[in-house]
Amino acid sequence: MLGGLTGLTDPKGGDWGERMLNTVASQTIRHLFSQSESVEVSVRCNPSSKLLQGSIDSFTMKGRGLVIRRQFAAEELFVETDAVAIDFSSVLSGKLRLKQPTQAIAQVTLLEAGINQSFKAELVKTRLENLTTPALTALSGGQPVSFPEVEVKLLPQNRLRILAKADLNNGELVPLNMTVTIGIERRRRISFKNPEIDLNEVSEAQKEISRTLSLALVEILDNMVDLDRFDLDGVKMRLNRLETEGERLIFSGYAEIERIPKNP
């Protein structure tokens, strides 16, 4: 075994040690997701004898069709580190453990359909239903207010169109239609700013309350999307940039990896 780890190559030209580490890393990473279409891990270590000291040159992971915490879909995820120190004995036992924290560049791609599906997740619904803030209950005669239907459409230049319904518990739904600009705050929050409210399809009797509820929904969304609520155990994502591109929303930034997360 040690001979293979320190220099044996297989007939395909790949180093045996790297191949073993790739297999272990792939199995470990794949188990972090509730569902995955594909997860490809590539670990580079030259010379392979450095594996004995737990030193690798780089680690790259490409994932596609991923589901996080059974409810949040990511179309693509790319992570690449520089040199990483690992516990070599953990690899021999079929696991992957870091000796020390590391950082990686990261890019996440979400599809419009996946974003809309996330509004049905319990973690999101609890922040949109049965709300009792005074500003909202003042509109509903003291009754809890809910936003049971929220749909977004990605637009160019980091804009979103939001179509929603508000339920004031009076048997009537109020339609909401607005466009907002999305951005990044403090490298971890997604902000919803500069709402432009469209009342063209709203009845005259509901125009004013639709405007007020639209602004309330934007404020709720602006305080909702904080990456710290979605981080995997031991991994923190930080964002530098986001961009809308057709039906895709692309985030780029970096990940602070303290340890390989346990299975969610």
Protein backbone atom coordinates (compact mmCIF):
# COMPACT_ATOMS: atom_id res chain seq x y z
CA MET A 1 0.00 0.00 0.00
CA LEU A 2 2.72 2.47 0.93
CA GLY A 3 4.46 1.74 -2.34
CA GLY A 4 1.31 2.68 -4.20
CA LEU A 5 0.87 5.86 -2.21
CA THR A 6 4.40 7.04 -2.84
CA GLY A 7 4.63 6.60 -6.56
CA LEU A 8 2.72 3.72 -8.13
CA THR A 9 0.72 4.69 -11.20
CA ASP A 10 -2.12 2.71 -12.67
CA PRO A 11 -2.34 1.65 -16.34
CA LYS A 12 -4.36 4.76 -17.17
CA GLY A 13 -1.53 6.98 -16.03
CA GLY A 14 -3.21 8.28 -12.86
CA ASP A 15 -1.47 8.12 -9.51
CA TRP A 16 -2.94 5.46 -7.24
CA GLY A 17 -2.78 7.66 -4.16
CA GLU A 18 -4.62 10.50 -5.87
CA ARG A 19 -7.24 8.09 -7.20
CA MET A 20 -7.85 6.65 -3.75
CA LEU A 21 -8.16 10.14 -2.28
CA ASN A 22 -10.50 11.21 -5.09
CA THR A 23 -12.74 8.24 -4.35
CA VAL A 24 -12.85 8.90 -0.62
CA ALA A 25 -13.43 12.63 -1.12
CA SER A 26 -16.20 12.01 -3.69
CA GLN A 27 -18.03 9.66 -1.35
CA THR A 28 -17.67 12.08 1.56
CA ILE A 29 -18.85 15.14 -0.39
CA ARG A 30 -21.74 13.35 -2.11
CA HIS A 31 -23.21 12.40 1.26
CA LEU A 32 -23.46 16.08 2.25
CA PHE A 33 -26.38 16.56 -0.15
CA SER A 34 -29.88 15.16 0.09
CA GLN A 35 -29.74 14.55 -3.65
CA SER A 36 -27.14 14.97 -6.38
CA GLU A 37 -27.12 14.40 -10.13
CA SER A 38 -23.32 14.31 -10.20
CA VAL A 39 -20.42 15.11 -7.89
CA GLU A 40 -16.88 15.13 -9.30
CA VAL A 41 -13.90 15.58 -7.00
CA SER A 42 -10.33 16.02 -8.19
CA VAL A 43 -7.43 16.03 -5.74
CA ARG A 44 -3.94 16.87 -6.98
CA CYS A 45 -0.81 15.87 -5.10
CA ASN A 46 2.62 15.87 -6.69
CA PRO A 47 4.71 14.05 -5.69
CA SER A 48 2.22 11.63 -4.18
CA SER A 49 4.60 10.95 -1.30
CA LYS A 50 3.28 14.19 0.24
CA LEU A 51 0.09 12.29 1.02
CA LEU A 52 1.95 10.52 3.81
CA GLN A 53 2.35 13.91 5.50
CA GLY A 54 -1.27 14.78 4.72
CA SER A 55 -0.38 17.51 2.24
CA ILE A 56 -2.23 17.97 -1.07
CA ASP A 57 -1.72 20.69 -3.68
CA SER A 58 -5.34 21.44 -4.54
CA PHE A 59 -8.88 20.16 -4.16
CA THR A 60 -11.62 20.77 -6.74
CA MET A 61 -15.27 19.81 -6.49
CA LYS A 62 -17.91 20.16 -9.21
CA GLY A 63 -21.49 19.28 -8.36
CA ARG A 64 -24.63 19.37 -10.48
CA GLY A 65 -28.31 18.91 -9.66
CA LEU A 66 -27.76 19.25 -5.92
CA VAL A 67 -30.41 19.41 -3.21
CA ILE A 68 -29.40 20.84 0.18
CA ARG A 69 -31.36 20.00 3.32
CA ARG A 70 -33.94 18.19 1.18
CA GLN A 71 -35.55 21.44 0.03
CA PHE A 72 -33.03 23.83 -1.57
CA ALA A 73 -31.88 23.11 -5.11
CA ALA A 74 -28.60 24.27 -6.66
CA GLU A 75 -28.04 23.62 -10.34
CA GLU A 76 -24.25 23.80 -10.05
CA LEU A 77 -21.64 24.17 -7.33
CA PHE A 78 -17.92 24.65 -7.92
CA VAL A 79 -15.31 24.76 -5.14
CA GLU A 80 -11.51 24.91 -5.49
CA THR A 81 -8.90 25.19 -2.74
CA ASP A 82 -5.20 25.87 -2.70
CA ALA A 83 -2.93 23.59 -0.68
CA VAL A 84 -4.77 21.66 2.03
CA ALA A 85 -3.57 19.71 5.06
CA ILE A 86 -5.55 16.52 5.70
CA ASP A 87 -5.44 13.73 8.23
CA PHE A 88 -3.95 10.93 6.15
CA SER A 89 -5.04 8.21 8.55
CA SER A 90 -8.68 9.24 7.99
CA VAL A 91 -8.27 8.59 4.24
CA LEU A 92 -7.12 5.04 4.92
CA SER A 93 -10.30 4.48 6.93
CA GLY A 94 -12.46 5.81 4.10
CA LYS A 95 -13.09 9.27 5.54
CA LEU A 96 -11.77 12.77 4.98
CA ARG A 97 -10.71 15.11 7.78
CA LEU A 98 -8.86 18.40 7.65
CA LYS A 99 -5.88 19.08 9.89
CA GLN A 100 -6.54 22.80 9.77
CA PRO A 101 -9.14 25.19 8.32
CA THR A 102 -8.80 26.24 4.69
CA GLN A 103 -10.39 28.63 2.22
CA ALA A 104 -11.69 27.96 -1.26
CA ILE A 105 -13.09 29.95 -4.14
CA ALA A 106 -16.70 29.00 -4.81
CA GLN A 107 -19.41 29.54 -7.39
CA VAL A 108 -23.06 28.57 -7.02
CA THR A 109 -25.62 28.59 -9.82
CA LEU A 110 -29.35 28.58 -9.05
CA LEU A 111 -32.13 28.13 -11.58
CA GLU A 112 -35.26 30.27 -11.54
CA ALA A 113 -37.34 27.11 -11.08
CA GLY A 114 -35.25 26.07 -8.09
CA ILE A 115 -35.59 29.50 -6.49
CA ASN A 116 -39.36 29.34 -6.83
CA GLN A 117 -39.41 25.82 -5.40
CA SER A 118 -37.55 27.09 -2.33
CA PHE A 119 -40.53 29.26 -1.39
CA LYS A 120 -42.33 26.00 -0.55
CA ALA A 121 -39.62 24.95 1.92
CA GLU A 122 -40.67 24.98 5.57
CA LEU A 123 -37.73 27.20 6.56
CA VAL A 124 -39.01 29.86 4.15
CA LYS A 125 -42.76 29.38 4.70
CA THR A 126 -42.43 29.99 8.43
CA ARG A 127 -41.14 33.48 7.64
CA LEU A 128 -43.95 34.25 5.21
CA GLU A 129 -47.04 32.85 6.94
CA ASN A 130 -49.09 33.89 9.99
CA LEU A 131 -47.14 37.11 10.51
CA THR A 132 -48.27 39.29 13.40
CA THR A 133 -46.10 42.39 13.16
CA PRO A 134 -48.12 45.53 14.01
CA ALA A 135 -47.56 47.06 10.57
CA LEU A 136 -49.27 44.06 8.96
CA THR A 137 -52.03 43.37 11.47
CA ALA A 138 -53.03 47.03 11.22
CA LEU A 139 -54.06 46.22 7.63
CA SER A 140 -55.98 43.07 8.53
CA GLY A 141 -57.98 44.13 11.54
CA GLY A 142 -55.60 42.38 13.92
CA GLN A 143 -55.50 39.06 12.04
CA PRO A 144 -52.24 37.29 11.07
CA VAL A 145 -51.10 38.05 7.53
CA SER A 146 -49.57 35.49 5.14
CA PHE A 147 -47.91 35.55 1.74
CA PRO A 148 -48.89 32.04 0.54
CA GLU A 149 -47.93 32.51 -3.10
CA VAL A 150 -44.59 34.02 -4.10
CA GLU A 151 -43.02 33.61 -7.54
CA VAL A 152 -39.95 35.31 -8.96
CA LYS A 153 -38.73 35.85 -12.50
CA LEU A 154 -35.07 36.66 -13.12
CA LEU A 155 -34.42 39.78 -15.18
CA PRO A 156 -31.23 41.28 -16.64
CA GLN A 157 -28.97 43.56 -14.59
CA ASN A 158 -29.63 41.80 -11.27
CA ARG A 159 -33.33 42.54 -11.23
CA LEU A 160 -36.19 40.32 -10.07
CA ARG A 161 -39.88 40.49 -10.81
CA ILE A 162 -41.90 39.31 -7.83
CA LEU A 163 -45.49 38.15 -8.23
CA ALA A 164 -47.25 37.27 -5.00
CA LYS A 165 -50.55 37.07 -3.13
CA ALA A 166 -51.22 38.39 0.36
CA ASP A 167 -53.83 36.77 2.60
CA LEU A 168 -55.32 39.09 5.23
CA ASN A 169 -57.57 36.35 6.66
CA ASN A 170 -60.69 38.03 5.35
CA GLY A 171 -61.39 35.62 2.52
CA GLU A 172 -59.79 37.82 -0.13
CA LEU A 173 -56.30 37.63 -1.62
CA VAL A 174 -54.46 40.81 -2.55
CA PRO A 175 -52.28 40.57 -5.71
CA LEU A 176 -48.74 41.96 -5.56
CA ASN A 177 -46.51 42.75 -8.53
CA MET A 178 -43.14 44.50 -8.28
CA THR A 179 -39.59 44.62 -9.60
CA VAL A 180 -36.57 44.85 -7.27
CA THR A 181 -32.80 44.99 -7.52
CA ILE A 182 -30.87 42.28 -5.72
CA GLY A 183 -27.38 42.70 -4.33
CA ILE A 184 -24.96 41.54 -1.64
CA GLU A 185 -24.53 43.04 1.82
CA ARG A 186 -21.74 42.16 4.28
CA ARG A 187 -20.77 39.30 1.94
CA ARG A 188 -23.49 37.05 3.34
CA ARG A 189 -26.88 38.71 2.88
CA ILE A 190 -28.91 39.00 -0.29
CA SER A 191 -30.55 42.44 -0.36
CA PHE A 192 -33.80 43.40 -2.09
CA LYS A 193 -33.78 47.12 -2.91
CA ASN A 194 -35.36 49.81 -5.09
CA PRO A 195 -38.85 48.27 -5.44
CA GLU A 196 -40.88 49.41 -8.42
CA ILE A 197 -44.51 48.52 -7.80
CA ASP A 198 -46.84 47.70 -10.68
CA LEU A 199 -50.52 48.28 -9.89
CA ASN A 200 -51.86 48.02 -13.44
CA GLU A 201 -53.53 44.63 -12.84
CA VAL A 202 -54.80 45.50 -9.36
CA SER A 203 -58.39 46.64 -8.81
CA GLU A 204 -58.91 50.23 -7.78
CA ALA A 205 -60.19 49.13 -4.37
CA GLN A 206 -56.99 47.16 -3.66
CA LYS A 207 -54.35 49.49 -5.13
CA GLU A 208 -53.34 51.23 -1.92
CA ILE A 209 -53.22 48.09 0.22
CA SER A 210 -51.36 46.24 -2.55
CA ARG A 211 -48.71 48.96 -2.56
CA THR A 212 -48.33 48.79 1.23
CA LEU A 213 -48.15 45.00 1.28
CA SER A 214 -45.66 44.97 -1.59
CA LEU A 215 -43.29 47.17 0.39
CA ALA A 216 -43.80 44.95 3.44
CA LEU A 217 -42.94 41.82 1.46
CA VAL A 218 -39.78 43.42 0.07
CA GLU A 219 -38.69 44.26 3.61
CA ILE A 220 -39.35 40.67 4.73
CA LEU A 221 -37.31 39.24 1.84
CA ASP A 222 -34.54 41.76 2.45
CA ASN A 223 -34.13 40.38 5.98
CA MET A 224 -34.63 36.73 5.09
CA VAL A 225 -31.80 35.52 2.85
CA ASP A 226 -28.79 35.25 5.13
CA LEU A 227 -26.29 32.57 4.12
CA ASP A 228 -25.48 31.79 7.74
CA ARG A 229 -28.93 30.17 7.97
CA PHE A 230 -28.08 27.77 5.14
CA ASP A 231 -24.43 26.93 5.87
CA LEU A 232 -23.37 23.33 6.13
CA ASP A 233 -21.82 22.41 9.47
CA GLY A 234 -18.21 23.58 9.43
CA VAL A 235 -18.48 25.57 6.19
CA LYS A 236 -19.27 29.28 5.80
CA MET A 237 -19.99 30.82 2.43
CA ARG A 238 -19.10 34.43 1.71
CA LEU A 239 -20.14 36.23 -1.48
CA ASN A 240 -18.31 38.77 -3.59
CA ARG A 241 -20.62 38.98 -6.60
CA LEU A 242 -23.97 37.92 -8.00
CA GLU A 243 -25.33 38.09 -11.53
CA THR A 244 -28.56 37.22 -13.28
CA GLU A 245 -28.03 35.44 -16.59
CA GLY A 246 -31.19 34.32 -18.34
CA GLU A 247 -32.94 31.90 -15.99
CA ARG A 248 -29.82 31.48 -13.87
CA LEU A 249 -28.67 33.35 -10.79
CA ILE A 250 -24.90 32.99 -10.29
CA PHE A 251 -23.11 33.69 -7.02
CA SER A 252 -19.33 33.81 -6.72
CA GLY A 253 -17.25 34.17 -3.59
CA TYR A 254 -15.37 31.92 -1.24
CA ALA A 255 -15.91 29.29 1.41
CA GLU A 256 -14.29 29.11 4.83
CA ILE A 257 -13.94 25.39 5.54
CA GLU A 258 -13.25 24.60 9.19
CA ARG A 259 -13.99 20.90 8.83
CA ILE A 260 -15.69 18.52 6.43
CA PRO A 261 -19.37 18.66 7.44
CA LYS A 262 -21.22 15.65 8.77
CA ASN A 263 -24.09 14.27 6.78
CA PRO A 264 -27.07 16.67 7.00
